[in-house]
Amino acid sequence: MTMDLSSIAAASMNYHAGSLMQAVSISMLKEGMEAQEVAAQQMIDMIQQSAPPVEPGRLLDVRV
């Protein structure tokens, strides 16, 4: 089984193209995760700011 130079070059190019596509996909996924992390932190901050302050006995009905 012999491979000529052009088939070796084509195989190498395909391998490197696949590696590049995988690296780009991973980079895009990381950017998406970072954006979701920022959005989640903003939502947590918003919820914490909108929650009423906790005072002892305020949220518990202690009437007898």
N, C-alpha and C. Protein backbone atom coordinates (compact mmCIF):
# COMPACT_ATOMS: atom_id res chain seq x y z
N MET A 1 0.85 -1.16 0.00
CA MET A 1 0.00 0.00 0.00
C MET A 1 0.90 1.24 0.00
N THR A 2 0.77 2.00 -1.01
CA THR A 2 1.59 3.20 -1.10
C THR A 2 0.68 4.42 -1.16
N MET A 3 1.12 5.45 -0.51
CA MET A 3 0.38 6.71 -0.55
C MET A 3 1.25 7.73 -1.27
N ASP A 4 0.67 8.40 -2.20
CA ASP A 4 1.45 9.42 -2.88
C ASP A 4 1.44 10.71 -2.05
N LEU A 5 2.25 11.63 -2.45
CA LEU A 5 2.45 12.86 -1.70
C LEU A 5 1.16 13.68 -1.58
N SER A 6 0.36 13.70 -2.63
CA SER A 6 -0.86 14.51 -2.59
C SER A 6 -1.87 13.94 -1.60
N SER A 7 -1.96 12.63 -1.45
CA SER A 7 -2.90 12.05 -0.50
C SER A 7 -2.42 12.28 0.94
N ILE A 8 -1.13 12.27 1.14
CA ILE A 8 -0.59 12.57 2.48
C ILE A 8 -0.86 14.03 2.83
N ALA A 9 -0.66 14.91 1.87
CA ALA A 9 -0.92 16.33 2.11
C ALA A 9 -2.40 16.57 2.37
N ALA A 10 -3.27 15.90 1.62
CA ALA A 10 -4.71 16.05 1.81
C ALA A 10 -5.12 15.54 3.20
N ALA A 11 -4.57 14.42 3.62
CA ALA A 11 -4.89 13.87 4.93
C ALA A 11 -4.43 14.84 6.03
N SER A 12 -3.27 15.41 5.86
CA SER A 12 -2.75 16.37 6.83
C SER A 12 -3.62 17.62 6.90
N MET A 13 -4.03 18.11 5.73
CA MET A 13 -4.89 19.30 5.70
C MET A 13 -6.24 19.01 6.36
N ASN A 14 -6.80 17.85 6.10
CA ASN A 14 -8.07 17.47 6.72
C ASN A 14 -7.94 17.39 8.23
N TYR A 15 -6.86 16.81 8.68
CA TYR A 15 -6.63 16.69 10.13
C TYR A 15 -6.53 18.07 10.78
N HIS A 16 -5.75 18.96 10.18
CA HIS A 16 -5.57 20.28 10.75
C HIS A 16 -6.84 21.13 10.65
N ALA A 17 -7.59 20.96 9.59
CA ALA A 17 -8.87 21.68 9.46
C ALA A 17 -9.82 21.22 10.55
N GLY A 18 -9.86 19.91 10.81
CA GLY A 18 -10.71 19.38 11.87
C GLY A 18 -10.27 19.88 13.24
N SER A 19 -8.98 19.95 13.45
CA SER A 19 -8.47 20.46 14.73
C SER A 19 -8.83 21.93 14.91
N LEU A 20 -8.74 22.71 13.85
CA LEU A 20 -9.09 24.12 13.91
C LEU A 20 -10.58 24.30 14.19
N MET A 21 -11.42 23.51 13.52
CA MET A 21 -12.86 23.60 13.74
C MET A 21 -13.21 23.26 15.19
N GLN A 22 -12.53 22.27 15.74
CA GLN A 22 -12.77 21.89 17.13
C GLN A 22 -12.33 23.01 18.08
N ALA A 23 -11.20 23.62 17.82
CA ALA A 23 -10.71 24.71 18.67
C ALA A 23 -11.66 25.91 18.61
N VAL A 24 -12.17 26.22 17.43
CA VAL A 24 -13.11 27.33 17.29
C VAL A 24 -14.40 27.03 18.04
N SER A 25 -14.89 25.80 17.93
CA SER A 25 -16.12 25.41 18.63
C SER A 25 -15.95 25.52 20.13
N ILE A 26 -14.83 25.07 20.64
CA ILE A 26 -14.57 25.14 22.08
C ILE A 26 -14.49 26.60 22.53
N SER A 27 -13.84 27.42 21.74
CA SER A 27 -13.73 28.84 22.08
C SER A 27 -15.11 29.50 22.11
N MET A 28 -15.96 29.18 21.15
CA MET A 28 -17.31 29.76 21.12
C MET A 28 -18.13 29.28 22.30
N LEU A 29 -17.99 28.02 22.67
CA LEU A 29 -18.71 27.49 23.83
C LEU A 29 -18.26 28.19 25.11
N LYS A 30 -16.95 28.43 25.23
CA LYS A 30 -16.44 29.14 26.41
C LYS A 30 -17.01 30.55 26.49
N GLU A 31 -17.08 31.24 25.36
CA GLU A 31 -17.65 32.59 25.35
C GLU A 31 -19.11 32.56 25.76
N GLY A 32 -19.84 31.57 25.28
CA GLY A 32 -21.24 31.42 25.66
C GLY A 32 -21.41 31.14 27.14
N MET A 33 -20.54 30.31 27.68
CA MET A 33 -20.60 30.01 29.12
C MET A 33 -20.29 31.25 29.94
N GLU A 34 -19.31 32.03 29.51
CA GLU A 34 -18.97 33.26 30.23
C GLU A 34 -20.13 34.25 30.20
N ALA A 35 -20.81 34.35 29.06
CA ALA A 35 -21.96 35.25 28.96
C ALA A 35 -23.08 34.79 29.88
N GLN A 36 -23.31 33.49 29.96
CA GLN A 36 -24.34 32.95 30.85
C GLN A 36 -23.97 33.18 32.31
N GLU A 37 -22.69 33.08 32.61
CA GLU A 37 -22.23 33.32 33.98
C GLU A 37 -22.49 34.77 34.39
N VAL A 38 -22.22 35.70 33.50
CA VAL A 38 -22.46 37.12 33.77
C VAL A 38 -23.96 37.37 33.96
N ALA A 39 -24.77 36.79 33.07
CA ALA A 39 -26.22 36.97 33.16
C ALA A 39 -26.75 36.39 34.46
N ALA A 40 -26.26 35.22 34.86
CA ALA A 40 -26.70 34.60 36.10
C ALA A 40 -26.31 35.45 37.31
N GLN A 41 -25.11 36.00 37.31
CA GLN A 41 -24.67 36.84 38.42
C GLN A 41 -25.51 38.11 38.50
N GLN A 42 -25.84 38.68 37.35
CA GLN A 42 -26.69 39.87 37.33
C GLN A 42 -28.08 39.55 37.88
N MET A 43 -28.61 38.38 37.54
CA MET A 43 -29.91 37.99 38.05
C MET A 43 -29.87 37.76 39.56
N ILE A 44 -28.82 37.14 40.05
CA ILE A 44 -28.66 36.93 41.49
C ILE A 44 -28.60 38.27 42.21
N ASP A 45 -27.82 39.20 41.66
CA ASP A 45 -27.72 40.54 42.27
C ASP A 45 -29.08 41.24 42.29
N MET A 46 -29.82 41.13 41.18
CA MET A 46 -31.13 41.76 41.10
C MET A 46 -32.09 41.17 42.13
N ILE A 47 -32.07 39.86 42.28
CA ILE A 47 -32.95 39.20 43.25
C ILE A 47 -32.59 39.62 44.67
N GLN A 48 -31.30 39.67 44.96
CA GLN A 48 -30.87 40.07 46.30
C GLN A 48 -31.26 41.51 46.61
N GLN A 49 -31.21 42.38 45.62
CA GLN A 49 -31.58 43.78 45.84
C GLN A 49 -33.08 43.96 45.98
N SER A 50 -33.86 43.11 45.34
CA SER A 50 -35.31 43.27 45.39
C SER A 50 -35.95 42.55 46.57
N ALA A 51 -35.21 41.67 47.24
CA ALA A 51 -35.75 40.94 48.39
C ALA A 51 -35.88 41.89 49.58
N PRO A 52 -36.97 41.75 50.34
CA PRO A 52 -37.10 42.62 51.52
C PRO A 52 -36.06 42.25 52.57
N PRO A 53 -35.66 43.22 53.38
CA PRO A 53 -34.68 42.91 54.43
C PRO A 53 -35.29 41.93 55.43
N VAL A 54 -34.48 41.05 55.92
CA VAL A 54 -34.94 40.04 56.87
C VAL A 54 -34.80 40.59 58.28
N GLU A 55 -35.92 40.65 58.97
CA GLU A 55 -35.94 41.10 60.35
C GLU A 55 -36.52 39.97 61.19
N PRO A 56 -35.96 39.72 62.36
CA PRO A 56 -36.47 38.63 63.18
C PRO A 56 -37.96 38.83 63.49
N GLY A 57 -38.76 37.80 63.23
CA GLY A 57 -40.18 37.84 63.53
C GLY A 57 -41.03 38.51 62.48
N ARG A 58 -40.43 39.11 61.48
CA ARG A 58 -41.19 39.84 60.47
C ARG A 58 -41.96 38.91 59.55
N LEU A 59 -41.38 37.80 59.17
CA LEU A 59 -41.99 36.90 58.24
C LEU A 59 -42.71 35.74 58.91
N LEU A 60 -42.73 35.69 60.21
CA LEU A 60 -43.35 34.59 60.95
C LEU A 60 -44.53 35.12 61.73
N ASP A 61 -45.69 34.52 61.52
CA ASP A 61 -46.90 34.94 62.24
C ASP A 61 -46.85 34.30 63.62
N VAL A 62 -46.64 35.13 64.65
CA VAL A 62 -46.49 34.59 66.00
C VAL A 62 -47.70 34.92 66.89
N ARG A 63 -48.81 35.28 66.28
CA ARG A 63 -50.01 35.57 67.07
C ARG A 63 -50.55 34.28 67.67
N VAL A 64 -51.02 34.39 68.90
CA VAL A 64 -51.57 33.21 69.58
C VAL A 64 -53.04 33.40 69.82
